Amino acid sequence: QLTVAGANLHTVGADLRTSGDVWNLERLDFRGPGVSQINLSGRVDITPAGPGFTGAVKVEASDPKTLLAWLDGRAITAPGQIKPFFLRGDVTLSTQQISIERLRTELDRESVQGRLLYAWSDGTRPARLDAVLNSPELDLDALLAFGNAALAGTAFERPREISLALELGRARLAGMEARNATGRLRWDSKALQVERLSVGDFGGAALMAQGNIDTSTSSPRGNLSIDLDARSLGGLAALAAKF
């Protein structure tokens, strides 16, 4: 047992070799807050800008909200909602950004694969998120609710620049089911760019869209080209009401 940042870590094991400013972490395993199991292996580099890590990471947690609170340096008060979480990937972490290649994650038995990059703001540009994700089935309503609850009160800065590529076999959004959805979107303080958005079926409607919306003023302006084939507009109406 080992106490770190106010929490007890159990069954801690590590194999470490050092050479100059490089630390080779052959393995680091421990059981941590949130009923979690953490496994790391890779290289730790000590540079003038700060430490960095490159290697494989595996995380399993029954209470990811409590685990995030500990990683964020916040006091752990009461357990969060039990929602099993799994993450595996090749991680590169520095003082500027964190990226995950060959990402595979599961939340409440729904899986997502792809890659992810988050860059902290540096004074010249805001926090940035780039993601390429695919999933056979995903409840976006539940995922958004979980993300907001898990990140509430953290020092995590929400991204102001987003590049997102999605491929979903089946998804749930605004209480409606969407099938065969693919999209590539970019958003920042100046514009929302829909490079491509295609949904095979959303509440009785199939659509394809592309275009740009200027969001730099209080009254957004722009153009969207939409091809719509609908027997019902209920899904689109529900989506518009939600957002």
Protein backbone atom coordinates (compact mmCIF):
# COMPACT_ATOMS: atom_id res chain seq x y z
CA GLN A 1 0.00 0.00 0.00
CA LEU A 2 1.21 3.48 -0.90
CA THR A 3 -0.37 6.88 -0.13
CA VAL A 4 -0.18 9.36 -3.02
CA ALA A 5 -2.00 12.71 -3.20
CA GLY A 6 -4.29 11.79 -0.33
CA ALA A 7 -5.39 8.43 -1.70
CA ASN A 8 -4.32 4.88 -0.92
CA LEU A 9 -2.89 2.89 -3.83
CA HIS A 10 -2.87 -0.87 -3.42
CA THR A 11 -0.81 -3.71 -4.90
CA VAL A 12 1.76 -1.31 -6.35
CA GLY A 13 4.43 -2.84 -8.59
CA ALA A 14 7.04 -1.15 -10.79
CA ASP A 15 10.11 -1.98 -12.88
CA LEU A 16 12.18 1.11 -13.71
CA ARG A 17 15.52 1.71 -15.45
CA THR A 18 17.19 5.12 -15.80
CA SER A 19 19.74 6.38 -18.29
CA GLY A 20 20.59 10.07 -18.10
CA ASP A 21 17.39 12.10 -18.45
CA VAL A 22 15.39 9.10 -19.74
CA TRP A 23 13.47 6.79 -17.41
CA ASN A 24 12.32 3.52 -18.96
CA LEU A 25 9.18 2.45 -17.17
CA GLU A 26 8.96 -1.23 -18.01
CA ARG A 27 5.79 -1.53 -15.93
CA LEU A 28 3.77 0.33 -13.31
CA ASP A 29 0.68 -1.38 -11.91
CA PHE A 30 -1.57 -0.31 -9.05
CA ARG A 31 -5.14 -0.29 -7.81
CA GLY A 32 -6.31 3.27 -7.22
CA PRO A 33 -9.30 5.47 -6.38
CA GLY A 34 -12.60 4.75 -8.07
CA VAL A 35 -12.11 0.98 -7.77
CA SER A 36 -9.58 1.29 -10.59
CA GLN A 37 -6.72 -0.75 -12.00
CA ILE A 38 -3.97 1.27 -13.76
CA ASN A 39 -1.23 -0.25 -15.95
CA LEU A 40 1.54 1.80 -17.60
CA SER A 41 4.66 1.02 -19.58
CA GLY A 42 6.83 3.36 -21.62
CA ARG A 43 9.42 6.13 -21.40
CA VAL A 44 9.54 9.18 -19.16
CA ASP A 45 11.65 12.07 -20.50
CA ILE A 46 12.87 14.85 -18.20
CA THR A 47 13.28 18.06 -20.21
CA PRO A 48 13.67 21.77 -19.28
CA ALA A 49 10.02 22.28 -20.30
CA GLY A 50 8.92 19.56 -17.89
CA PRO A 51 8.45 15.79 -17.81
CA GLY A 52 6.82 13.83 -20.62
CA PHE A 53 5.58 10.28 -21.08
CA THR A 54 5.30 8.04 -24.13
CA GLY A 55 3.93 4.52 -23.84
CA ALA A 56 1.00 2.17 -23.40
CA VAL A 57 -1.74 2.88 -20.87
CA LYS A 58 -4.60 0.71 -19.67
CA VAL A 59 -7.25 1.97 -17.24
CA GLU A 60 -10.21 0.09 -15.77
CA ALA A 61 -12.49 1.87 -13.28
CA SER A 62 -15.88 1.17 -11.74
CA ASP A 63 -16.20 4.79 -10.56
CA PRO A 64 -14.40 6.97 -13.14
CA LYS A 65 -15.65 10.23 -11.58
CA THR A 66 -13.73 9.50 -8.37
CA LEU A 67 -10.64 8.51 -10.37
CA LEU A 68 -10.76 11.77 -12.34
CA ALA A 69 -11.11 13.78 -9.13
CA TRP A 70 -7.93 12.19 -7.77
CA LEU A 71 -6.00 12.74 -11.01
CA ASP A 72 -7.16 16.37 -11.01
CA GLY A 73 -5.87 16.87 -7.46
CA ARG A 74 -9.30 17.45 -5.91
CA ALA A 75 -10.44 16.07 -2.59
CA ILE A 76 -12.40 12.84 -2.92
CA THR A 77 -15.63 13.26 -0.96
CA ALA A 78 -18.24 10.65 -1.85
CA PRO A 79 -18.23 7.92 -4.49
CA GLY A 80 -19.74 8.83 -7.83
CA GLN A 81 -22.26 6.89 -9.87
CA ILE A 82 -21.03 3.41 -10.73
CA LYS A 83 -20.52 3.28 -14.52
CA PRO A 84 -17.80 0.84 -15.60
CA PHE A 85 -15.11 2.46 -17.74
CA PHE A 86 -12.24 0.98 -19.74
CA LEU A 87 -9.51 2.73 -21.76
CA ARG A 88 -6.49 1.41 -23.62
CA GLY A 89 -4.14 3.23 -25.99
CA ASP A 90 -0.68 4.49 -26.87
CA VAL A 91 -0.30 7.77 -24.97
CA THR A 92 2.05 10.70 -25.55
CA LEU A 93 1.89 13.23 -22.71
CA SER A 94 3.76 16.53 -22.44
CA THR A 95 3.26 19.92 -20.83
CA GLN A 96 1.61 21.07 -24.10
CA GLN A 97 -0.74 18.23 -25.02
CA ILE A 98 -1.89 14.67 -24.60
CA SER A 99 -2.53 12.35 -27.53
CA ILE A 100 -3.87 8.79 -27.62
CA GLU A 101 -3.33 6.60 -30.67
CA ARG A 102 -4.99 3.21 -31.16
CA LEU A 103 -7.58 4.32 -28.64
CA ARG A 104 -10.12 1.81 -27.43
CA THR A 105 -12.54 2.80 -24.71
CA GLU A 106 -15.71 1.37 -23.22
CA LEU A 107 -18.27 3.13 -21.05
CA ASP A 108 -21.16 1.10 -19.69
CA ARG A 109 -20.45 -1.62 -22.31
CA GLU A 110 -20.51 0.78 -25.29
CA SER A 111 -17.19 0.87 -27.18
CA VAL A 112 -15.39 3.60 -29.12
CA GLN A 113 -12.17 3.33 -31.12
CA GLY A 114 -9.93 5.84 -32.88
CA ARG A 115 -7.47 8.52 -31.87
CA LEU A 116 -7.60 11.65 -29.75
CA LEU A 117 -5.49 14.76 -29.17
CA TYR A 118 -6.08 17.48 -26.58
CA ALA A 119 -3.80 20.53 -26.40
CA TRP A 120 -3.87 22.95 -23.47
CA SER A 121 -4.12 26.68 -24.17
CA ASP A 122 -0.71 28.34 -24.34
CA GLY A 123 -1.50 32.04 -24.47
CA THR A 124 -1.41 32.17 -28.28
CA ARG A 125 -4.32 29.83 -28.97
CA PRO A 126 -7.13 28.30 -26.90
CA ALA A 127 -7.45 24.68 -25.79
CA ARG A 128 -7.85 22.37 -28.79
CA LEU A 129 -9.41 18.94 -29.37
CA ASP A 130 -8.85 16.74 -32.44
CA ALA A 131 -10.64 13.40 -32.55
CA VAL A 132 -11.27 10.59 -35.03
CA LEU A 133 -13.76 8.14 -33.50
CA ASN A 134 -15.88 5.22 -34.62
CA SER A 135 -18.39 3.07 -32.78
CA PRO A 136 -20.94 0.41 -33.75
CA GLU A 137 -23.40 1.75 -31.15
CA LEU A 138 -23.24 4.84 -28.94
CA ASP A 139 -25.68 6.71 -26.70
CA LEU A 140 -24.54 10.31 -27.19
CA ASP A 141 -27.12 11.64 -24.71
CA ALA A 142 -25.71 9.44 -21.93
CA LEU A 143 -22.11 10.17 -22.95
CA LEU A 144 -22.63 13.95 -22.82
CA ALA A 145 -24.37 13.71 -19.44
CA PHE A 146 -21.57 11.53 -18.05
CA GLY A 147 -18.86 13.85 -19.39
CA ASN A 148 -20.47 16.95 -17.88
CA ALA A 149 -20.88 15.23 -14.50
CA ALA A 150 -17.38 13.73 -14.47
CA LEU A 151 -15.64 17.00 -15.43
CA ALA A 152 -17.71 19.28 -13.20
CA GLY A 153 -15.42 21.17 -10.83
CA THR A 154 -12.20 20.10 -12.55
CA ALA A 155 -9.41 22.36 -13.77
CA PHE A 156 -9.93 20.88 -17.23
CA GLU A 157 -10.31 23.68 -19.78
CA ARG A 158 -13.01 22.98 -22.31
CA PRO A 159 -11.68 23.15 -25.88
CA ARG A 160 -12.46 26.24 -27.95
CA GLU A 161 -11.18 24.69 -31.17
CA ILE A 162 -12.57 21.30 -32.19
CA SER A 163 -11.94 19.03 -35.16
CA LEU A 164 -14.14 15.95 -35.10
CA ALA A 165 -14.51 12.99 -37.46
CA LEU A 166 -17.18 10.43 -36.55
CA GLU A 167 -18.41 7.14 -37.93
CA LEU A 168 -21.31 5.62 -35.99
CA GLY A 169 -23.30 2.53 -36.89
CA ARG A 170 -26.12 3.45 -34.51
CA ALA A 171 -26.37 6.39 -32.12
CA ARG A 172 -28.90 7.99 -29.79
CA LEU A 173 -29.18 11.78 -29.69
CA ALA A 174 -31.94 14.03 -28.32
CA GLY A 175 -33.87 10.86 -27.45
CA MET A 176 -33.93 9.75 -31.10
CA GLU A 177 -32.01 7.00 -32.84
CA ALA A 178 -29.66 7.71 -35.75
CA ARG A 179 -28.27 5.04 -38.07
CA ASN A 180 -25.23 5.05 -40.33
CA ALA A 181 -23.96 8.48 -39.31
CA THR A 182 -20.65 9.87 -40.57
CA GLY A 183 -19.34 13.38 -40.25
CA ARG A 184 -16.36 15.70 -40.29
CA LEU A 185 -16.79 19.02 -38.52
CA ARG A 186 -14.55 21.88 -37.38
CA TRP A 187 -15.49 24.54 -34.89
CA ASP A 188 -13.69 27.53 -33.36
CA SER A 189 -14.50 31.06 -32.22
CA LYS A 190 -14.88 32.20 -35.83
CA ALA A 191 -16.83 29.51 -37.63
CA LEU A 192 -18.53 26.12 -37.68
CA GLN A 193 -17.43 24.22 -40.77
CA VAL A 194 -19.44 21.16 -41.77
CA GLU A 195 -17.13 19.45 -44.24
CA ARG A 196 -19.45 16.45 -44.49
CA LEU A 197 -22.40 15.19 -42.50
CA SER A 198 -24.41 12.15 -43.55
CA VAL A 199 -27.12 10.32 -41.58
CA GLY A 200 -28.88 7.31 -43.10
CA ASP A 201 -31.88 7.58 -40.79
CA PHE A 202 -32.67 9.98 -37.93
CA GLY A 203 -36.20 9.80 -36.60
CA GLY A 204 -37.57 9.10 -40.07
CA ALA A 205 -35.26 11.38 -42.06
CA ALA A 206 -32.12 10.81 -44.13
CA LEU A 207 -29.88 13.80 -44.72
CA MET A 208 -26.58 14.99 -46.11
CA ALA A 209 -25.18 18.44 -45.28
CA GLN A 210 -22.14 20.63 -45.80
CA GLY A 211 -21.37 24.30 -45.40
CA ASN A 212 -20.04 27.03 -43.13
CA ILE A 213 -21.56 29.15 -40.37
CA ASP A 214 -19.82 32.35 -39.24
CA THR A 215 -19.97 32.36 -35.42
CA SER A 216 -17.72 35.39 -34.82
CA THR A 217 -20.68 37.72 -34.19
CA SER A 218 -23.69 37.60 -31.89
CA SER A 219 -25.88 36.73 -34.90
CA PRO A 220 -24.37 33.70 -36.71
CA ARG A 221 -24.61 33.81 -40.51
CA GLY A 222 -23.65 31.35 -43.22
CA ASN A 223 -24.78 28.74 -45.68
CA LEU A 224 -25.58 25.05 -45.38
CA SER A 225 -26.38 22.81 -48.32
CA ILE A 226 -28.76 20.07 -47.22
CA ASP A 227 -30.23 17.10 -49.07
CA LEU A 228 -33.20 15.79 -47.07
CA ASP A 229 -35.40 12.76 -47.64
CA ALA A 230 -37.93 12.51 -44.81
CA ARG A 231 -41.13 10.72 -44.01
CA SER A 232 -41.08 12.52 -40.63
CA LEU A 233 -39.32 15.63 -39.26
CA GLY A 234 -39.76 14.61 -35.61
CA GLY A 235 -36.09 13.72 -35.13
CA LEU A 236 -34.80 16.98 -36.59
CA ALA A 237 -37.31 18.99 -34.55
CA ALA A 238 -36.16 17.22 -31.34
CA LEU A 239 -32.51 17.91 -32.19
CA ALA A 240 -33.19 21.58 -32.86
CA ALA A 241 -35.09 21.90 -29.58
CA LYS A 242 -32.22 20.35 -27.64
CA PHE A 243 -29.41 22.44 -29.07
